[in-house]
C-alpha atoms as a PDB file:
ATOM      1  CA  MET A   1      14.681  59.618 142.250  1.00  0.00           C
ATOM      2  CA  LEU A   2      11.125  61.369 142.226  1.00  0.00           C
ATOM      3  CA  PRO A   3       9.303  61.737 145.257  1.00  0.00           C
ATOM      4  CA  GLY A   4       5.703  62.736 145.389  1.00  0.00           C
ATOM      5  CA  VAL A   5       3.010  63.752 147.901  1.00  0.00           C
ATOM      6  CA  GLY A   6      -0.542  64.663 146.434  1.00  0.00           C
ATOM      7  CA  HIS A   7      -2.175  64.692 143.100  1.00  0.00           C
ATOM      8  CA  PHE A   8      -1.737  62.873 139.583  1.00  0.00           C
ATOM      9  CA  GLN A   9      -2.210  66.289 138.243  1.00  0.00           C
ATOM     10  CA  ALA A  10       0.884  67.843 139.592  1.00  0.00           C
ATOM     11  CA  THR A  11       3.095  65.556 137.271  1.00  0.00           C
ATOM     12  CA  GLU A  12       2.124  67.978 134.735  1.00  0.00           C
ATOM     13  CA  ARG A  13       4.867  70.255 135.828  1.00  0.00           C
ATOM     14  CA  LEU A  14       7.454  67.326 134.609  1.00  0.00           C
ATOM     15  CA  ASP A  15       5.941  68.055 131.246  1.00  0.00           C
ATOM     16  CA  ALA A  16       5.683  71.587 131.583  1.00  0.00           C
ATOM     17  CA  THR A  17       9.341  72.264 132.384  1.00  0.00           C
ATOM     18  CA  GLY A  18      11.327  69.456 130.083  1.00  0.00           C
ATOM     19  CA  LEU A  19      12.189  67.135 132.883  1.00  0.00           C
ATOM     20  CA  THR A  20       9.837  64.186 131.236  1.00  0.00           C
ATOM     21  CA  PRO A  21      12.144  63.735 128.281  1.00  0.00           C
ATOM     22  CA  THR A  22      15.379  64.590 130.485  1.00  0.00           C
ATOM     23  CA  ILE A  23      14.308  61.869 132.716  1.00  0.00           C
ATOM     24  CA  ARG A  24      13.518  59.312 129.825  1.00  0.00           C
ATOM     25  CA  ALA A  25      16.981  60.158 128.481  1.00  0.00           C
ATOM     26  CA  ALA A  26      18.668  59.532 131.838  1.00  0.00           C
ATOM     27  CA  ILE A  27      16.732  56.169 132.301  1.00  0.00           C
ATOM     28  CA  ALA A  28      17.581  55.217 128.491  1.00  0.00           C
ATOM     29  CA  ARG A  29      21.062  55.186 129.423  1.00  0.00           C
ATOM     30  CA  GLY A  30      20.879  53.354 132.311  1.00  0.00           C
ATOM     31  CA  VAL A  31      20.911  55.995 135.477  1.00  0.00           C
ATOM     32  CA  PRO A  32      18.917  54.077 138.177  1.00  0.00           C
ATOM     33  CA  PHE A  33      15.597  55.657 139.046  1.00  0.00           C
ATOM     34  CA  LEU A  34      13.365  55.875 141.894  1.00  0.00           C
ATOM     35  CA  GLY A  35       9.813  57.059 141.997  1.00  0.00           C
ATOM     36  CA  ILE A  36       8.078  57.189 145.637  1.00  0.00           C
ATOM     37  CA  CYS A  37       4.269  57.336 145.891  1.00  0.00           C
ATOM     38  CA  VAL A  38       2.555  59.769 143.253  1.00  0.00           C
ATOM     39  CA  GLY A  39       5.962  59.243 141.837  1.00  0.00           C
ATOM     40  CA  MET A  40       5.526  55.577 141.580  1.00  0.00           C
ATOM     41  CA  GLN A  41       2.071  56.323 139.971  1.00  0.00           C
ATOM     42  CA  TRP A  42       4.023  58.683 137.356  1.00  0.00           C
ATOM     43  CA  VAL A  43       5.938  55.658 135.986  1.00  0.00           C
ATOM     44  CA  TYR A  44       2.660  54.277 134.484  1.00  0.00           C
ATOM     45  CA  ALA A  45       0.872  55.391 131.196  1.00  0.00           C
ATOM     46  CA  GLY A  46      -1.075  57.043 133.733  1.00  0.00           C
ATOM     47  CA  SER A  47      -3.903  57.532 136.482  1.00  0.00           C
ATOM     48  CA  SER A  48      -7.593  57.415 136.867  1.00  0.00           C
ATOM     49  CA  GLU A  49      -6.826  60.510 139.340  1.00  0.00           C
ATOM     50  CA  ALA A  50      -6.066  62.980 136.466  1.00  0.00           C
ATOM     51  CA  SER A  51      -7.209  60.725 133.275  1.00  0.00           C
ATOM     52  CA  ILE A  52      -5.773  63.360 131.057  1.00  0.00           C
ATOM     53  CA  GLN A  53      -2.470  63.725 132.210  1.00  0.00           C
ATOM     54  CA  PRO A  54      -0.040  61.036 131.011  1.00  0.00           C
ATOM     55  CA  GLY A  55       2.564  59.425 133.135  1.00  0.00           C
ATOM     56  CA  LEU A  56       5.995  58.267 132.170  1.00  0.00           C
ATOM     57  CA  GLY A  57       4.801  55.320 130.501  1.00  0.00           C
ATOM     58  CA  HIS A  58       7.387  53.114 131.408  1.00  0.00           C
ATOM     59  CA  PHE A  59       4.819  50.412 132.303  1.00  0.00           C
ATOM     60  CA  ALA A  60       1.999  49.910 130.106  1.00  0.00           C
ATOM     61  CA  GLU A  61      -0.675  49.806 132.713  1.00  0.00           C
ATOM     62  CA  SER A  62      -2.702  52.703 134.766  1.00  0.00           C
ATOM     63  CA  CYS A  63      -3.241  53.072 138.610  1.00  0.00           C
ATOM     64  CA  THR A  64      -6.733  53.450 139.706  1.00  0.00           C
ATOM     65  CA  ARG A  65      -8.388  54.567 143.028  1.00  0.00           C
ATOM     66  CA  PHE A  66      -9.097  52.002 145.789  1.00  0.00           C
ATOM     67  CA  PRO A  67     -12.868  50.244 144.980  1.00  0.00           C
ATOM     68  CA  ASP A  68     -15.393  51.332 147.262  1.00  0.00           C
ATOM     69  CA  SER A  69     -15.617  49.285 150.226  1.00  0.00           C
ATOM     70  CA  THR A  70     -16.329  49.107 154.253  1.00  0.00           C
ATOM     71  CA  GLU A  71     -12.300  49.965 154.634  1.00  0.00           C
ATOM     72  CA  LYS A  72     -11.534  53.640 154.824  1.00  0.00           C
ATOM     73  CA  VAL A  73      -9.788  55.418 151.558  1.00  0.00           C
ATOM     74  CA  PRO A  74      -7.137  56.719 151.722  1.00  0.00           C
ATOM     75  CA  HIS A  75      -5.562  53.791 153.094  1.00  0.00           C
ATOM     76  CA  VAL A  76      -2.932  55.373 155.304  1.00  0.00           C
ATOM     77  CA  GLY A  77      -0.494  53.690 158.069  1.00  0.00           C
ATOM     78  CA  TRP A  78       1.394  50.854 158.363  1.00  0.00           C
ATOM     79  CA  ASN A  79       1.082  47.523 156.271  1.00  0.00           C
ATOM     80  CA  SER A  80       3.353  44.720 155.396  1.00  0.00           C
ATOM     81  CA  LEU A  81       5.145  43.644 152.237  1.00  0.00           C
ATOM     82  CA  GLU A  82       4.810  40.512 150.034  1.00  0.00           C
ATOM     83  CA  MET A  83       7.940  39.795 148.642  1.00  0.00           C
ATOM     84  CA  ARG A  84       8.482  38.700 145.207  1.00  0.00           C
ATOM     85  CA  ALA A  85      12.272  36.784 144.628  1.00  0.00           C
ATOM     86  CA  GLY A  86      15.081  38.745 142.477  1.00  0.00           C
ATOM     87  CA  SER A  87      13.956  42.575 143.443  1.00  0.00           C
ATOM     88  CA  ARG A  88      17.593  44.531 143.379  1.00  0.00           C
ATOM     89  CA  LEU A  89      16.118  47.262 145.215  1.00  0.00           C
ATOM     90  CA  LEU A  90      14.195  45.156 148.049  1.00  0.00           C
ATOM     91  CA  ALA A  91      17.419  43.306 148.697  1.00  0.00           C
ATOM     92  CA  GLY A  92      17.856  42.400 152.526  1.00  0.00           C
ATOM     93  CA  VAL A  93      13.894  43.122 153.469  1.00  0.00           C
ATOM     94  CA  GLU A  94      12.187  40.032 154.420  1.00  0.00           C
ATOM     95  CA  PRO A  95       8.884  39.196 153.802  1.00  0.00           C
ATOM     96  CA  GLY A  96       6.127  40.755 156.187  1.00  0.00           C
ATOM     97  CA  GLU A  97       8.224  43.692 156.977  1.00  0.00           C
ATOM     98  CA  PHE A  98       6.183  47.125 157.398  1.00  0.00           C
ATOM     99  CA  VAL A  99       6.116  50.274 155.870  1.00  0.00           C
ATOM    100  CA  TYR A 100       3.858  53.327 155.875  1.00  0.00           C
ATOM    101  CA  PHE A 101       1.312  54.184 153.440  1.00  0.00           C
ATOM    102  CA  THR A 102      -0.748  56.670 152.511  1.00  0.00           C
ATOM    103  CA  HIS A 103      -2.486  56.850 149.219  1.00  0.00           C
ATOM    104  CA  SER A 104      -6.022  56.831 147.117  1.00  0.00           C
ATOM    105  CA  TYR A 105      -4.535  55.002 144.106  1.00  0.00           C
ATOM    106  CA  ARG A 106      -2.817  52.199 143.387  1.00  0.00           C
ATOM    107  CA  ALA A 107      -0.814  50.206 140.926  1.00  0.00           C
ATOM    108  CA  PRO A 108      -2.080  47.120 139.664  1.00  0.00           C
ATOM    109  CA  VAL A 109      -0.098  43.352 140.396  1.00  0.00           C
ATOM    110  CA  THR A 110       1.948  42.682 137.331  1.00  0.00           C
ATOM    111  CA  ALA A 111       5.033  40.822 136.301  1.00  0.00           C
ATOM    112  CA  ASP A 112       6.869  43.982 137.669  1.00  0.00           C
ATOM    113  CA  ALA A 113       5.609  44.093 140.913  1.00  0.00           C
ATOM    114  CA  ALA A 114       8.618  43.173 143.289  1.00  0.00           C
ATOM    115  CA  ALA A 115       6.535  43.404 146.588  1.00  0.00           C
ATOM    116  CA  ILE A 116       2.890  43.328 146.988  1.00  0.00           C
ATOM    117  CA  THR A 117       0.631  44.666 149.729  1.00  0.00           C
ATOM    118  CA  HIS A 118      -3.116  43.790 150.649  1.00  0.00           C
ATOM    119  CA  TYR A 119      -5.505  46.506 151.414  1.00  0.00           C
ATOM    120  CA  ILE A 120      -8.911  46.142 150.207  1.00  0.00           C
ATOM    121  CA  GLY A 121      -7.502  43.789 147.754  1.00  0.00           C
ATOM    122  CA  PRO A 122      -3.647  42.963 146.708  1.00  0.00           C
ATOM    123  CA  PHE A 123      -1.772  46.151 144.726  1.00  0.00           C
ATOM    124  CA  SER A 124       1.624  46.514 143.710  1.00  0.00           C
ATOM    125  CA  ALA A 125       3.678  47.890 146.861  1.00  0.00           C
ATOM    126  CA  ALA A 126       7.121  48.185 144.605  1.00  0.00           C
ATOM    127  CA  VAL A 127       7.735  47.590 141.001  1.00  0.00           C
ATOM    128  CA  GLU A 128      11.168  47.142 139.313  1.00  0.00           C
ATOM    129  CA  ARG A 129      12.193  46.383 135.797  1.00  0.00           C
ATOM    130  CA  GLY A 130      15.605  47.304 134.875  1.00  0.00           C
ATOM    131  CA  ASN A 131      17.007  50.302 136.195  1.00  0.00           C
ATOM    132  CA  VAL A 132      13.445  51.917 137.136  1.00  0.00           C
ATOM    133  CA  MET A 133      11.487  51.357 140.535  1.00  0.00           C
ATOM    134  CA  GLY A 134       9.107  52.654 142.245  1.00  0.00           C
ATOM    135  CA  VAL A 135       7.376  52.365 145.782  1.00  0.00           C
ATOM    136  CA  GLN A 136       3.830  53.053 146.683  1.00  0.00           C
ATOM    137  CA  PHE A 137       4.879  53.732 150.136  1.00  0.00           C
ATOM    138  CA  HIS A 138       7.126  56.146 151.839  1.00  0.00           C
ATOM    139  CA  PRO A 139      10.700  54.557 152.424  1.00  0.00           C
ATOM    140  CA  GLU A 140      11.617  58.072 154.673  1.00  0.00           C
ATOM    141  CA  LYS A 141       8.684  57.318 156.962  1.00  0.00           C
ATOM    142  CA  SER A 142       9.248  53.467 157.050  1.00  0.00           C
ATOM    143  CA  GLY A 143      11.966  53.140 160.094  1.00  0.00           C
ATOM    144  CA  PRO A 144      14.851  50.780 159.427  1.00  0.00           C
ATOM    145  CA  THR A 145      12.778  48.836 156.668  1.00  0.00           C
ATOM    146  CA  GLY A 146      12.801  52.185 154.659  1.00  0.00           C
ATOM    147  CA  LEU A 147      16.429  53.256 155.255  1.00  0.00           C
ATOM    148  CA  LYS A 148      17.450  49.772 153.907  1.00  0.00           C
ATOM    149  CA  ILE A 149      15.520  50.235 150.505  1.00  0.00           C
ATOM    150  CA  LEU A 150      17.157  53.752 150.469  1.00  0.00           C
ATOM    151  CA  GLY A 151      20.365  52.582 151.072  1.00  0.00           C
ATOM    152  CA  ASN A 152      19.997  49.920 148.388  1.00  0.00           C
ATOM    153  CA  PHE A 153      19.077  52.367 145.814  1.00  0.00           C
ATOM    154  CA  LEU A 154      21.425  54.674 146.832  1.00  0.00           C
ATOM    155  CA  SER A 155      24.068  51.801 146.587  1.00  0.00           C
ATOM    156  CA  TRP A 156      23.141  50.921 143.144  1.00  0.00           C
ATOM    157  CA  GLU A 157      23.028  54.608 141.931  1.00  0.00           C
ATOM    158  CA  THR A 158      26.753  55.050 143.131  1.00  0.00           C
ATOM    159  CA  GLU A 159      27.638  51.768 141.499  1.00  0.00           C
ATOM    160  CA  GLU A 160      26.224  52.472 138.134  1.00  0.00           C
ATOM    161  CA  GLY A 161      27.916  56.294 138.429  1.00  0.00           C
ATOM    162  CA  ALA A 162      24.817  57.967 137.859  1.00  0.00           C
END
């Protein structure tokens, strides 16, 4: 699990300490991986927040800042999830349940989106491909829904013997 709060450039520390190749190797072995907030953005190729700092690259796309709007940025507060079928991470989470966000950058909506949220426009609130998952929101601040999601991840991690 990789939590994250702050600037995408902070992920440079993962490269500098040798954690990036270690995480890649663990993912290749099938170890479940969950990125939270900036940790989710890190599983992408990169972010326009720090365009010279590469991400993990598990997802080929990049994260971008919310476009100019009459809405405030950062997006802070509770928002609902529009679920896509088949997510192991989000099992038992009902469409429309609320989770807590605080972010200015967002992941694009792709086939890997397990849940979408709308703020200024649609974005991936949760992604999942194989054993790599990410959530843009903070499950630890999202009450019973967040606990359910963390429980799903921990159950999966235990089953996989990680």
